[in-house]
Amino acid sequence: MIYSGKVIAINKSVATMNAAKSFKDYRIVRLLDSGANSKTYVLNKDNKQFVLKFTRIVTLDVAQDKEQWYKTKQVLTTLSSIKHPNIVEVYEVGEVDITDSNYQRFLDMINWNEVKSEPEPYYNQHDSSSGIPYVIMQYIEGHDMIKQHTNSEQALELITDLMSALSVFAKYNIRHGDMKFQNVIYNTKTGRYVVIDFDFSEITMHLNIELT
């Protein structure tokens, strides 16, 4: 997954990232994107690239954030067993536990406090009693739909690909929760549109198909 996004304080992140160098048996290549509640990195393993995404559990919203992560983890675990050209591939999902010897190392690398999107600095803190949620996903060469100029034929392809992805979501009772142009990537290698970013997703008992 690669797309143009606003990267905040990237130089400092790169410095701390270089100190970490690796995540499990993957090599950390570079910071891909940085936001208030998540950071993504490009990984390399056996000359193949992947995406690692860390999600923050905010101090002021611990219960809410943990509940949403539980829902998201259910969806990502389900998607890890599915291979579909219009849905980003999920390879691994879990948490870096606070008892893990690498916990502080990755917390220092991520450095949530450098993101100044909220007025209260303490709001940027990761809850010290929480593990660090992560997911390892497919790396897609392409761009999001904000940068994609489509003609009528491409628009039809987009609709067809989205309907194909939504049919899978319906089959597994998955509600994406955040369907928007930024979360649809055009894969330049395959020529297909791919749905990404399941931060607000959940598995529901009764699913109404809608682009939300």
N, C-alpha and C. Protein backbone atom coordinates (compact mmCIF):
# COMPACT_ATOMS: atom_id res chain seq x y z
N MET A 1 0.85 -1.18 0.00
CA MET A 1 0.00 0.00 0.00
C MET A 1 0.88 1.22 0.00
N ILE A 2 0.83 2.00 -1.04
CA ILE A 2 1.62 3.22 -1.10
C ILE A 2 0.76 4.31 -1.72
N TYR A 3 0.73 5.45 -1.08
CA TYR A 3 -0.07 6.54 -1.61
C TYR A 3 0.48 7.84 -1.06
N SER A 4 0.10 8.93 -1.68
CA SER A 4 0.57 10.24 -1.24
C SER A 4 -0.24 10.69 -0.04
N GLY A 5 0.43 10.95 1.06
CA GLY A 5 -0.25 11.42 2.26
C GLY A 5 0.64 12.41 2.98
N LYS A 6 0.10 13.15 3.91
CA LYS A 6 0.88 14.14 4.64
C LYS A 6 1.73 13.42 5.67
N VAL A 7 3.01 13.63 5.62
CA VAL A 7 3.93 13.02 6.58
C VAL A 7 4.42 14.10 7.52
N ILE A 8 4.24 13.87 8.81
CA ILE A 8 4.56 14.87 9.81
C ILE A 8 5.87 14.53 10.51
N ALA A 9 6.77 15.48 10.63
CA ALA A 9 8.04 15.31 11.33
C ALA A 9 8.76 14.05 10.87
N ILE A 10 8.88 13.89 9.57
CA ILE A 10 9.43 12.66 9.02
C ILE A 10 10.90 12.47 9.37
N ASN A 11 11.68 13.54 9.45
CA ASN A 11 13.10 13.40 9.70
C ASN A 11 13.39 12.75 11.04
N LYS A 12 12.65 13.16 12.05
CA LYS A 12 12.85 12.59 13.37
C LYS A 12 12.42 11.13 13.38
N SER A 13 11.32 10.83 12.68
CA SER A 13 10.85 9.45 12.62
C SER A 13 11.86 8.55 11.93
N VAL A 14 12.47 9.06 10.85
CA VAL A 14 13.46 8.28 10.12
C VAL A 14 14.65 7.96 11.00
N ALA A 15 15.07 8.93 11.82
CA ALA A 15 16.20 8.71 12.70
C ALA A 15 15.92 7.61 13.71
N THR A 16 14.75 7.68 14.35
CA THR A 16 14.40 6.65 15.33
C THR A 16 14.13 5.33 14.65
N MET A 17 13.57 5.36 13.43
CA MET A 17 13.30 4.15 12.69
C MET A 17 14.60 3.43 12.36
N ASN A 18 15.63 4.19 11.97
CA ASN A 18 16.90 3.58 11.64
C ASN A 18 17.51 2.86 12.83
N ALA A 19 17.20 3.37 14.01
CA ALA A 19 17.72 2.72 15.21
C ALA A 19 17.04 1.37 15.43
N ALA A 20 15.78 1.27 15.02
CA ALA A 20 15.03 0.03 15.21
C ALA A 20 15.41 -1.02 14.16
N LYS A 21 15.48 -0.62 12.91
CA LYS A 21 15.96 -1.42 11.79
C LYS A 21 15.09 -2.62 11.40
N SER A 22 14.47 -3.27 12.36
CA SER A 22 13.74 -4.48 12.02
C SER A 22 12.47 -4.63 12.85
N PHE A 23 11.55 -5.42 12.32
CA PHE A 23 10.33 -5.80 13.04
C PHE A 23 10.14 -7.29 12.78
N LYS A 24 10.28 -8.08 13.84
CA LYS A 24 10.26 -9.53 13.71
C LYS A 24 11.34 -9.94 12.70
N ASP A 25 10.98 -10.70 11.67
CA ASP A 25 11.99 -11.09 10.68
C ASP A 25 11.90 -10.24 9.42
N TYR A 26 11.34 -9.04 9.54
CA TYR A 26 11.26 -8.09 8.43
C TYR A 26 12.28 -6.97 8.67
N ARG A 27 12.79 -6.41 7.61
CA ARG A 27 13.66 -5.23 7.71
C ARG A 27 12.82 -3.99 7.46
N ILE A 28 12.92 -3.01 8.34
CA ILE A 28 12.18 -1.75 8.16
C ILE A 28 12.94 -0.88 7.17
N VAL A 29 12.28 -0.53 6.07
CA VAL A 29 12.93 0.22 5.00
C VAL A 29 12.77 1.72 5.20
N ARG A 30 11.52 2.16 5.41
CA ARG A 30 11.28 3.60 5.54
C ARG A 30 9.89 3.86 6.09
N LEU A 31 9.70 5.09 6.58
CA LEU A 31 8.39 5.55 7.00
C LEU A 31 7.57 5.86 5.76
N LEU A 32 6.36 5.35 5.71
CA LEU A 32 5.49 5.57 4.55
C LEU A 32 4.50 6.69 4.80
N ASP A 33 3.87 6.69 5.96
CA ASP A 33 2.86 7.71 6.25
C ASP A 33 2.75 7.88 7.76
N SER A 34 2.43 9.09 8.20
CA SER A 34 2.33 9.38 9.62
C SER A 34 1.09 10.21 9.88
N GLY A 35 0.29 9.79 10.86
CA GLY A 35 -0.92 10.51 11.22
C GLY A 35 -1.08 10.57 12.72
N ALA A 36 -2.17 11.14 13.16
CA ALA A 36 -2.40 11.31 14.59
C ALA A 36 -2.57 9.98 15.32
N ASN A 37 -3.13 8.98 14.65
CA ASN A 37 -3.45 7.73 15.33
C ASN A 37 -2.82 6.49 14.71
N SER A 38 -2.02 6.66 13.69
CA SER A 38 -1.37 5.50 13.09
C SER A 38 -0.11 5.93 12.35
N LYS A 39 0.80 4.97 12.21
CA LYS A 39 2.00 5.18 11.41
C LYS A 39 2.26 3.92 10.60
N THR A 40 2.67 4.12 9.35
CA THR A 40 2.92 2.98 8.48
C THR A 40 4.35 3.02 7.96
N TYR A 41 4.91 1.84 7.82
CA TYR A 41 6.29 1.69 7.37
C TYR A 41 6.35 0.67 6.24
N VAL A 42 7.33 0.83 5.37
CA VAL A 42 7.60 -0.16 4.34
C VAL A 42 8.58 -1.17 4.90
N LEU A 43 8.24 -2.46 4.75
CA LEU A 43 9.10 -3.54 5.20
C LEU A 43 9.66 -4.29 4.00
N ASN A 44 10.73 -5.03 4.25
CA ASN A 44 11.28 -5.90 3.22
C ASN A 44 11.64 -7.25 3.83
N LYS A 45 11.27 -8.30 3.12
CA LYS A 45 11.61 -9.65 3.54
C LYS A 45 11.79 -10.50 2.28
N ASP A 46 12.95 -11.11 2.16
CA ASP A 46 13.25 -11.95 0.99
C ASP A 46 13.02 -11.18 -0.31
N ASN A 47 13.46 -9.93 -0.32
CA ASN A 47 13.37 -9.06 -1.50
C ASN A 47 11.93 -8.77 -1.93
N LYS A 48 10.99 -8.90 -0.99
CA LYS A 48 9.60 -8.55 -1.26
C LYS A 48 9.17 -7.49 -0.26
N GLN A 49 8.40 -6.50 -0.72
CA GLN A 49 7.99 -5.41 0.15
C GLN A 49 6.61 -5.64 0.76
N PHE A 50 6.46 -5.14 1.99
CA PHE A 50 5.21 -5.24 2.74
C PHE A 50 4.96 -3.89 3.41
N VAL A 51 3.79 -3.75 4.01
CA VAL A 51 3.46 -2.55 4.79
C VAL A 51 3.16 -2.95 6.23
N LEU A 52 3.78 -2.25 7.16
CA LEU A 52 3.53 -2.43 8.59
C LEU A 52 2.80 -1.19 9.09
N LYS A 53 1.65 -1.40 9.74
CA LYS A 53 0.89 -0.28 10.28
C LYS A 53 0.72 -0.44 11.78
N PHE A 54 1.15 0.57 12.54
CA PHE A 54 0.93 0.62 13.98
C PHE A 54 -0.26 1.53 14.26
N THR A 55 -1.08 1.15 15.23
CA THR A 55 -2.24 1.96 15.62
C THR A 55 -2.10 2.37 17.08
N ARG A 56 -2.45 3.60 17.37
CA ARG A 56 -2.30 4.12 18.73
C ARG A 56 -3.54 3.87 19.58
N ILE A 57 -3.33 3.53 20.84
CA ILE A 57 -4.39 3.49 21.85
C ILE A 57 -4.24 4.75 22.69
N VAL A 58 -5.14 5.71 22.48
CA VAL A 58 -4.98 7.03 23.08
C VAL A 58 -5.34 7.02 24.57
N THR A 59 -4.54 7.74 25.35
CA THR A 59 -4.71 7.78 26.81
C THR A 59 -6.12 8.17 27.23
N LEU A 60 -6.69 9.19 26.57
CA LEU A 60 -8.00 9.69 26.98
C LEU A 60 -9.16 8.82 26.50
N ASP A 61 -8.91 7.93 25.54
CA ASP A 61 -9.98 7.11 24.96
C ASP A 61 -9.63 5.62 24.98
N VAL A 62 -9.02 5.17 26.08
CA VAL A 62 -8.51 3.80 26.14
C VAL A 62 -9.59 2.77 25.86
N ALA A 63 -10.72 2.86 26.57
CA ALA A 63 -11.78 1.86 26.42
C ALA A 63 -12.33 1.85 25.00
N GLN A 64 -12.59 3.04 24.46
CA GLN A 64 -13.15 3.15 23.12
C GLN A 64 -12.16 2.64 22.07
N ASP A 65 -10.89 3.03 22.21
CA ASP A 65 -9.88 2.61 21.24
C ASP A 65 -9.64 1.11 21.29
N LYS A 66 -9.63 0.54 22.49
CA LYS A 66 -9.43 -0.90 22.62
C LYS A 66 -10.61 -1.67 22.03
N GLU A 67 -11.82 -1.16 22.23
CA GLU A 67 -13.00 -1.81 21.66
C GLU A 67 -12.95 -1.79 20.14
N GLN A 68 -12.56 -0.63 19.57
CA GLN A 68 -12.48 -0.54 18.11
C GLN A 68 -11.37 -1.44 17.58
N TRP A 69 -10.25 -1.52 18.28
CA TRP A 69 -9.17 -2.40 17.84
C TRP A 69 -9.62 -3.85 17.86
N TYR A 70 -10.40 -4.23 18.87
CA TYR A 70 -10.93 -5.60 18.94
C TYR A 70 -11.78 -5.89 17.70
N LYS A 71 -12.63 -4.92 17.32
CA LYS A 71 -13.48 -5.10 16.13
C LYS A 71 -12.63 -5.17 14.86
N THR A 72 -11.67 -4.24 14.77
CA THR A 72 -10.81 -4.22 13.59
C THR A 72 -10.00 -5.50 13.48
N LYS A 73 -9.51 -5.99 14.61
CA LYS A 73 -8.71 -7.21 14.61
C LYS A 73 -9.53 -8.40 14.11
N GLN A 74 -10.80 -8.45 14.48
CA GLN A 74 -11.69 -9.51 13.99
C GLN A 74 -11.78 -9.47 12.47
N VAL A 75 -11.96 -8.26 11.93
CA VAL A 75 -12.08 -8.10 10.48
C VAL A 75 -10.77 -8.49 9.80
N LEU A 76 -9.65 -7.98 10.30
CA LEU A 76 -8.35 -8.25 9.69
C LEU A 76 -8.01 -9.73 9.75
N THR A 77 -8.37 -10.39 10.85
CA THR A 77 -8.14 -11.83 10.96
C THR A 77 -8.95 -12.58 9.92
N THR A 78 -10.18 -12.15 9.71
CA THR A 78 -11.02 -12.76 8.67
C THR A 78 -10.41 -12.53 7.29
N LEU A 79 -9.97 -11.30 7.03
CA LEU A 79 -9.41 -10.97 5.72
C LEU A 79 -8.09 -11.70 5.46
N SER A 80 -7.38 -12.08 6.52
CA SER A 80 -6.09 -12.76 6.33
C SER A 80 -6.24 -14.12 5.65
N SER A 81 -7.46 -14.66 5.67
CA SER A 81 -7.71 -15.95 5.03
C SER A 81 -8.33 -15.78 3.64
N ILE A 82 -8.46 -14.51 3.20
CA ILE A 82 -9.10 -14.21 1.91
C ILE A 82 -8.08 -13.56 0.98
N LYS A 83 -8.03 -14.02 -0.24
CA LYS A 83 -7.20 -13.37 -1.26
C LYS A 83 -8.12 -12.91 -2.37
N HIS A 84 -8.24 -11.58 -2.51
CA HIS A 84 -9.16 -11.01 -3.49
C HIS A 84 -8.47 -9.82 -4.14
N PRO A 85 -8.55 -9.67 -5.47
CA PRO A 85 -7.82 -8.61 -6.16
C PRO A 85 -8.25 -7.19 -5.80
N ASN A 86 -9.43 -7.04 -5.19
CA ASN A 86 -9.93 -5.71 -4.86
C ASN A 86 -9.91 -5.41 -3.36
N ILE A 87 -9.23 -6.25 -2.59
CA ILE A 87 -9.10 -6.05 -1.14
C ILE A 87 -7.63 -6.25 -0.77
N VAL A 88 -7.07 -5.30 -0.03
CA VAL A 88 -5.67 -5.41 0.35
C VAL A 88 -5.44 -6.72 1.11
N GLU A 89 -4.35 -7.39 0.80
CA GLU A 89 -4.04 -8.66 1.45
C GLU A 89 -3.49 -8.41 2.85
N VAL A 90 -3.98 -9.17 3.82
CA VAL A 90 -3.53 -9.08 5.20
C VAL A 90 -2.73 -10.33 5.53
N TYR A 91 -1.51 -10.16 6.03
CA TYR A 91 -0.65 -11.30 6.30
C TYR A 91 -0.53 -11.62 7.79
N GLU A 92 -0.56 -10.59 8.63
CA GLU A 92 -0.39 -10.83 10.06
C GLU A 92 -1.02 -9.69 10.83
N VAL A 93 -1.65 -10.00 11.95
CA VAL A 93 -2.26 -8.99 12.80
C VAL A 93 -2.04 -9.35 14.26
N GLY A 94 -1.73 -8.36 15.10
CA GLY A 94 -1.47 -8.66 16.51
C GLY A 94 -1.12 -7.40 17.28
N GLU A 95 -0.47 -7.57 18.43
CA GLU A 95 -0.03 -6.46 19.25
C GLU A 95 1.40 -6.71 19.74
N VAL A 96 2.17 -5.64 19.81
CA VAL A 96 3.45 -5.71 20.51
C VAL A 96 3.13 -5.52 21.98
N ASP A 97 3.19 -6.59 22.76
CA ASP A 97 2.76 -6.57 24.16
C ASP A 97 3.73 -5.76 25.01
N ILE A 98 3.21 -5.19 26.12
CA ILE A 98 4.06 -4.38 27.00
C ILE A 98 5.14 -5.22 27.66
N THR A 99 4.97 -6.53 27.71
CA THR A 99 6.00 -7.41 28.28
C THR A 99 7.06 -7.80 27.25
N ASP A 100 6.81 -7.44 25.98
CA ASP A 100 7.76 -7.75 24.92
C ASP A 100 9.02 -6.90 25.11
N SER A 101 10.18 -7.52 24.96
CA SER A 101 11.45 -6.81 25.16
C SER A 101 11.63 -5.67 24.16
N ASN A 102 10.89 -5.72 23.04
CA ASN A 102 10.99 -4.69 22.01
C ASN A 102 9.93 -3.60 22.16
N TYR A 103 9.10 -3.70 23.19
CA TYR A 103 7.97 -2.76 23.33
C TYR A 103 8.45 -1.31 23.34
N GLN A 104 9.37 -0.98 24.23
CA GLN A 104 9.83 0.40 24.35
C GLN A 104 10.58 0.83 23.10
N ARG A 105 11.29 -0.09 22.48
CA ARG A 105 12.03 0.22 21.26
C ARG A 105 11.09 0.71 20.16
N PHE A 106 9.98 0.01 19.99
CA PHE A 106 9.04 0.41 18.95
C PHE A 106 8.23 1.65 19.35
N LEU A 107 7.97 1.78 20.65
CA LEU A 107 7.28 2.99 21.11
C LEU A 107 8.15 4.22 20.85
N ASP A 108 9.46 4.08 21.06
CA ASP A 108 10.38 5.19 20.78
C ASP A 108 10.45 5.47 19.28
N MET A 109 10.43 4.41 18.49
CA MET A 109 10.49 4.58 17.04
C MET A 109 9.26 5.30 16.52
N ILE A 110 8.09 4.89 16.98
CA ILE A 110 6.84 5.49 16.52
C ILE A 110 6.74 6.95 16.98
N ASN A 111 7.08 7.20 18.26
CA ASN A 111 7.13 8.56 18.80
C ASN A 111 5.86 9.35 18.52
N TRP A 112 4.73 8.90 19.11
CA TRP A 112 3.44 9.56 18.88
C TRP A 112 3.49 11.05 19.23
N ASN A 113 4.30 11.41 20.22
CA ASN A 113 4.28 12.79 20.72
C ASN A 113 4.76 13.82 19.71
N GLU A 114 5.38 13.38 18.61
CA GLU A 114 5.81 14.33 17.60
C GLU A 114 4.65 14.81 16.74
N VAL A 115 3.51 14.13 16.82
CA VAL A 115 2.34 14.51 16.03
C VAL A 115 1.55 15.55 16.81
N LYS A 116 1.47 16.77 16.32
CA LYS A 116 0.87 17.88 17.06
C LYS A 116 -0.48 18.28 16.47
N SER A 117 -1.31 17.30 16.16
CA SER A 117 -2.58 17.63 15.51
C SER A 117 -3.65 18.04 16.52
N GLU A 118 -3.45 17.71 17.81
CA GLU A 118 -4.41 18.11 18.83
C GLU A 118 -3.78 19.17 19.72
N PRO A 119 -4.60 20.06 20.31
CA PRO A 119 -4.05 21.15 21.12
C PRO A 119 -3.41 20.66 22.42
N GLU A 120 -3.91 19.56 22.99
CA GLU A 120 -3.36 19.08 24.26
C GLU A 120 -2.27 18.06 23.99
N PRO A 121 -1.01 18.34 24.34
CA PRO A 121 0.08 17.42 24.05
C PRO A 121 -0.12 16.03 24.64
N TYR A 122 -0.72 15.95 25.84
CA TYR A 122 -0.88 14.65 26.48
C TYR A 122 -1.86 13.76 25.72
N TYR A 123 -2.71 14.37 24.89
CA TYR A 123 -3.66 13.57 24.12
C TYR A 123 -2.95 12.69 23.11
N ASN A 124 -1.72 13.07 22.76
CA ASN A 124 -0.95 12.31 21.78
C ASN A 124 -0.28 11.08 22.38
N GLN A 125 -0.38 10.90 23.67
CA GLN A 125 0.31 9.80 24.32
C GLN A 125 -0.39 8.47 24.07
N HIS A 126 0.43 7.43 23.86
CA HIS A 126 -0.08 6.08 23.77
C HIS A 126 -0.28 5.57 25.19
N ASP A 127 -1.39 4.89 25.43
CA ASP A 127 -1.67 4.38 26.77
C ASP A 127 -0.59 3.38 27.19
N SER A 128 0.07 3.67 28.32
CA SER A 128 1.22 2.88 28.74
C SER A 128 0.86 1.46 29.17
N SER A 129 -0.44 1.21 29.41
CA SER A 129 -0.86 -0.13 29.84
C SER A 129 -1.30 -0.99 28.65
N SER A 130 -1.23 -0.42 27.45
CA SER A 130 -1.72 -1.12 26.26
C SER A 130 -0.58 -1.59 25.38
N GLY A 131 -0.79 -2.71 24.71
CA GLY A 131 0.13 -3.15 23.68
C GLY A 131 -0.01 -2.24 22.47
N ILE A 132 0.87 -2.42 21.49
CA ILE A 132 0.81 -1.60 20.27
C ILE A 132 0.20 -2.44 19.15
N PRO A 133 -1.04 -2.17 18.76
CA PRO A 133 -1.66 -2.93 17.67
C PRO A 133 -0.91 -2.75 16.36
N TYR A 134 -0.78 -3.84 15.61
CA TYR A 134 -0.12 -3.73 14.32
C TYR A 134 -0.75 -4.69 13.31
N VAL A 135 -0.54 -4.39 12.05
CA VAL A 135 -0.96 -5.29 10.97
C VAL A 135 0.09 -5.22 9.87
N ILE A 136 0.43 -6.36 9.31
CA ILE A 136 1.33 -6.44 8.17
C ILE A 136 0.50 -6.76 6.95
N MET A 137 0.62 -5.91 5.92
CA MET A 137 -0.25 -6.00 4.75
C MET A 137 0.54 -5.99 3.45
N GLN A 138 -0.20 -6.15 2.40
CA GLN A 138 0.34 -6.08 1.04
C GLN A 138 0.83 -4.67 0.73
N TYR A 139 1.95 -4.59 0.04
CA TYR A 139 2.46 -3.32 -0.47
C TYR A 139 1.94 -3.15 -1.89
N ILE A 140 1.25 -2.06 -2.13
CA ILE A 140 0.64 -1.82 -3.44
C ILE A 140 1.26 -0.59 -4.08
N GLU A 141 1.80 -0.75 -5.27
CA GLU A 141 2.31 0.40 -6.01
C GLU A 141 1.14 1.06 -6.73
N GLY A 142 0.88 2.31 -6.37
CA GLY A 142 -0.25 3.00 -6.97
C GLY A 142 -0.55 4.29 -6.25
N HIS A 143 -1.77 4.75 -6.34
CA HIS A 143 -2.18 6.00 -5.72
C HIS A 143 -3.66 5.95 -5.38
N ASP A 144 -4.07 6.82 -4.44
CA ASP A 144 -5.47 6.80 -4.04
C ASP A 144 -6.33 7.53 -5.07
N MET A 145 -7.64 7.46 -4.86
CA MET A 145 -8.57 7.95 -5.86
C MET A 145 -8.63 9.48 -5.95
N ILE A 146 -8.08 10.17 -4.96
CA ILE A 146 -8.05 11.62 -5.04
C ILE A 146 -7.15 12.06 -6.20
N LYS A 147 -6.11 11.27 -6.47
CA LYS A 147 -5.17 11.60 -7.53
C LYS A 147 -5.49 10.90 -8.84
N GLN A 148 -6.58 10.13 -8.86
CA GLN A 148 -6.93 9.39 -10.06
C GLN A 148 -7.98 10.15 -10.88
N HIS A 149 -7.63 10.51 -12.09
CA HIS A 149 -8.59 11.15 -13.00
C HIS A 149 -9.20 10.07 -13.88
N THR A 150 -10.51 9.89 -13.78
CA THR A 150 -11.16 8.79 -14.47
C THR A 150 -12.06 9.27 -15.59
N ASN A 151 -12.05 8.49 -16.68
CA ASN A 151 -13.03 8.70 -17.73
C ASN A 151 -14.19 7.75 -17.49
N SER A 152 -15.15 7.72 -18.38
CA SER A 152 -16.34 6.90 -18.17
C SER A 152 -16.00 5.41 -18.09
N GLU A 153 -15.04 4.97 -18.90
CA GLU A 153 -14.66 3.56 -18.89
C GLU A 153 -13.99 3.19 -17.58
N GLN A 154 -13.10 4.07 -17.09
CA GLN A 154 -12.42 3.82 -15.82
C GLN A 154 -13.39 3.89 -14.65
N ALA A 155 -14.37 4.78 -14.75
CA ALA A 155 -15.39 4.88 -13.70
C ALA A 155 -16.18 3.58 -13.58
N LEU A 156 -16.47 2.97 -14.72
CA LEU A 156 -17.18 1.70 -14.72
C LEU A 156 -16.31 0.60 -14.09
N GLU A 157 -15.02 0.62 -14.40
CA GLU A 157 -14.10 -0.35 -13.80
C GLU A 157 -14.05 -0.16 -12.28
N LEU A 158 -14.02 1.10 -11.84
CA LEU A 158 -14.00 1.41 -10.41
C LEU A 158 -15.25 0.85 -9.73
N ILE A 159 -16.40 1.13 -10.30
CA ILE A 159 -17.66 0.65 -9.71
C ILE A 159 -17.69 -0.87 -9.67
N THR A 160 -17.24 -1.50 -10.75
CA THR A 160 -17.22 -2.97 -10.81
C THR A 160 -16.31 -3.55 -9.73
N ASP A 161 -15.13 -2.96 -9.58
CA ASP A 161 -14.18 -3.45 -8.58
C ASP A 161 -14.70 -3.24 -7.16
N LEU A 162 -15.32 -2.07 -6.91
CA LEU A 162 -15.86 -1.81 -5.57
C LEU A 162 -17.01 -2.76 -5.25
N MET A 163 -17.86 -3.03 -6.22
CA MET A 163 -18.97 -3.95 -6.00
C MET A 163 -18.45 -5.36 -5.72
N SER A 164 -17.35 -5.72 -6.38
CA SER A 164 -16.74 -7.03 -6.14
C SER A 164 -16.22 -7.12 -4.71
N ALA A 165 -15.57 -6.05 -4.25
CA ALA A 165 -15.09 -6.03 -2.86
C ALA A 165 -16.24 -6.05 -1.87
N LEU A 166 -17.27 -5.25 -2.16
CA LEU A 166 -18.44 -5.20 -1.26
C LEU A 166 -19.16 -6.54 -1.18
N SER A 167 -19.14 -7.31 -2.26
CA SER A 167 -19.79 -8.62 -2.23
C SER A 167 -19.08 -9.55 -1.26
N VAL A 168 -17.75 -9.40 -1.17
CA VAL A 168 -16.98 -10.19 -0.20
C VAL A 168 -17.31 -9.73 1.22
N PHE A 169 -17.37 -8.42 1.42
CA PHE A 169 -17.73 -7.89 2.73
C PHE A 169 -19.10 -8.40 3.17
N ALA A 170 -20.04 -8.43 2.23
CA ALA A 170 -21.39 -8.90 2.56
C ALA A 170 -21.38 -10.39 2.94
N LYS A 171 -20.58 -11.16 2.23
CA LYS A 171 -20.49 -12.60 2.50
C LYS A 171 -20.00 -12.87 3.92
N TYR A 172 -19.06 -12.04 4.40
CA TYR A 172 -18.47 -12.24 5.73
C TYR A 172 -19.00 -11.24 6.76
N ASN A 173 -20.09 -10.54 6.42
CA ASN A 173 -20.72 -9.58 7.33
C ASN A 173 -19.76 -8.49 7.81
N ILE A 174 -18.92 -8.02 6.90
CA ILE A 174 -17.95 -6.98 7.24
C ILE A 174 -18.49 -5.61 6.84
N ARG A 175 -18.47 -4.70 7.79
CA ARG A 175 -18.79 -3.30 7.52
C ARG A 175 -17.48 -2.53 7.53
N HIS A 176 -17.11 -1.93 6.41
CA HIS A 176 -15.82 -1.23 6.31
C HIS A 176 -15.78 -0.03 7.23
N GLY A 177 -16.80 0.79 7.19
CA GLY A 177 -16.93 1.91 8.12
C GLY A 177 -16.27 3.21 7.71
N ASP A 178 -15.45 3.18 6.64
CA ASP A 178 -14.76 4.42 6.26
C ASP A 178 -14.44 4.42 4.77
N MET A 179 -15.43 4.09 3.94
CA MET A 179 -15.22 4.07 2.50
C MET A 179 -15.15 5.50 1.97
N LYS A 180 -14.02 5.86 1.41
CA LYS A 180 -13.81 7.18 0.82
C LYS A 180 -12.68 7.07 -0.20
N PHE A 181 -12.48 8.13 -0.98
CA PHE A 181 -11.50 8.10 -2.05
C PHE A 181 -10.10 7.75 -1.55
N GLN A 182 -9.73 8.24 -0.34
CA GLN A 182 -8.39 7.98 0.18
C GLN A 182 -8.16 6.50 0.50
N ASN A 183 -9.25 5.75 0.68
CA ASN A 183 -9.13 4.35 1.07
C ASN A 183 -9.37 3.38 -0.10
N VAL A 184 -9.29 3.91 -1.30
CA VAL A 184 -9.33 3.07 -2.51
C VAL A 184 -8.08 3.39 -3.31
N ILE A 185 -7.24 2.38 -3.50
CA ILE A 185 -5.98 2.55 -4.19
C ILE A 185 -6.06 1.95 -5.59
N TYR A 186 -5.54 2.68 -6.57
CA TYR A 186 -5.43 2.13 -7.91
C TYR A 186 -4.09 1.42 -8.02
N ASN A 187 -4.12 0.10 -8.20
CA ASN A 187 -2.92 -0.71 -8.31
C ASN A 187 -2.38 -0.59 -9.74
N THR A 188 -1.25 0.09 -9.90
CA THR A 188 -0.72 0.34 -11.24
C THR A 188 -0.18 -0.93 -11.88
N LYS A 189 0.12 -1.94 -11.09
CA LYS A 189 0.64 -3.19 -11.65
C LYS A 189 -0.47 -4.07 -12.21
N THR A 190 -1.62 -4.10 -11.52
CA THR A 190 -2.71 -4.98 -11.94
C THR A 190 -3.82 -4.24 -12.68
N GLY A 191 -3.85 -2.90 -12.53
CA GLY A 191 -4.93 -2.13 -13.14
C GLY A 191 -6.25 -2.29 -12.41
N ARG A 192 -6.19 -2.75 -11.15
CA ARG A 192 -7.41 -2.96 -10.36
C ARG A 192 -7.46 -1.94 -9.22
N TYR A 193 -8.67 -1.67 -8.75
CA TYR A 193 -8.89 -0.79 -7.61
C TYR A 193 -8.97 -1.65 -6.35
N VAL A 194 -8.28 -1.22 -5.29
CA VAL A 194 -8.14 -2.03 -4.09
C VAL A 194 -8.62 -1.24 -2.87
N VAL A 195 -9.48 -1.85 -2.06
CA VAL A 195 -9.97 -1.24 -0.82
C VAL A 195 -8.96 -1.50 0.29
N ILE A 196 -8.60 -0.44 1.02
CA ILE A 196 -7.64 -0.55 2.11
C ILE A 196 -8.23 0.07 3.38
N ASP A 197 -7.44 0.07 4.46
CA ASP A 197 -7.71 0.80 5.70
C ASP A 197 -9.00 0.35 6.39
N PHE A 198 -8.86 -0.57 7.33
CA PHE A 198 -10.00 -1.13 8.04
C PHE A 198 -10.05 -0.69 9.50
N ASP A 199 -9.54 0.52 9.78
CA ASP A 199 -9.46 1.02 11.15
C ASP A 199 -10.82 1.17 11.83
N PHE A 200 -11.88 1.39 11.05
CA PHE A 200 -13.20 1.59 11.64
C PHE A 200 -14.17 0.46 11.26
N SER A 201 -13.61 -0.65 10.90
CA SER A 201 -14.44 -1.77 10.44
C SER A 201 -14.94 -2.63 11.59
N GLU A 202 -15.91 -3.46 11.28
CA GLU A 202 -16.44 -4.42 12.26
C GLU A 202 -17.20 -5.51 11.53
N ILE A 203 -17.37 -6.61 12.22
CA ILE A 203 -18.20 -7.69 11.72
C ILE A 203 -19.56 -7.57 12.39
N THR A 204 -20.60 -7.47 11.58
CA THR A 204 -21.94 -7.26 12.11
C THR A 204 -22.81 -8.49 11.88
N MET A 205 -23.85 -8.61 12.69
CA MET A 205 -24.78 -9.72 12.54
C MET A 205 -25.70 -9.51 11.35
N HIS A 206 -26.09 -8.26 11.13
CA HIS A 206 -26.97 -7.92 10.02
C HIS A 206 -26.33 -6.77 9.25
N LEU A 207 -25.97 -7.02 8.02
CA LEU A 207 -25.23 -6.04 7.24
C LEU A 207 -26.09 -5.43 6.15
N ASN A 208 -26.16 -4.10 6.16
CA ASN A 208 -26.80 -3.38 5.06
C ASN A 208 -25.69 -2.84 4.16
N ILE A 209 -25.71 -3.21 2.88
CA ILE A 209 -24.66 -2.77 1.97
C ILE A 209 -24.78 -1.26 1.73
N GLU A 210 -23.74 -0.54 2.11
CA GLU A 210 -23.70 0.88 1.85
C GLU A 210 -22.23 1.32 1.86
N LEU A 211 -21.92 2.36 1.13
CA LEU A 211 -20.54 2.85 1.06
C LEU A 211 -20.25 3.74 2.25
N THR A 212 -20.00 3.10 3.42
CA THR A 212 -19.66 3.87 4.61
C THR A 212 -18.39 3.34 5.24
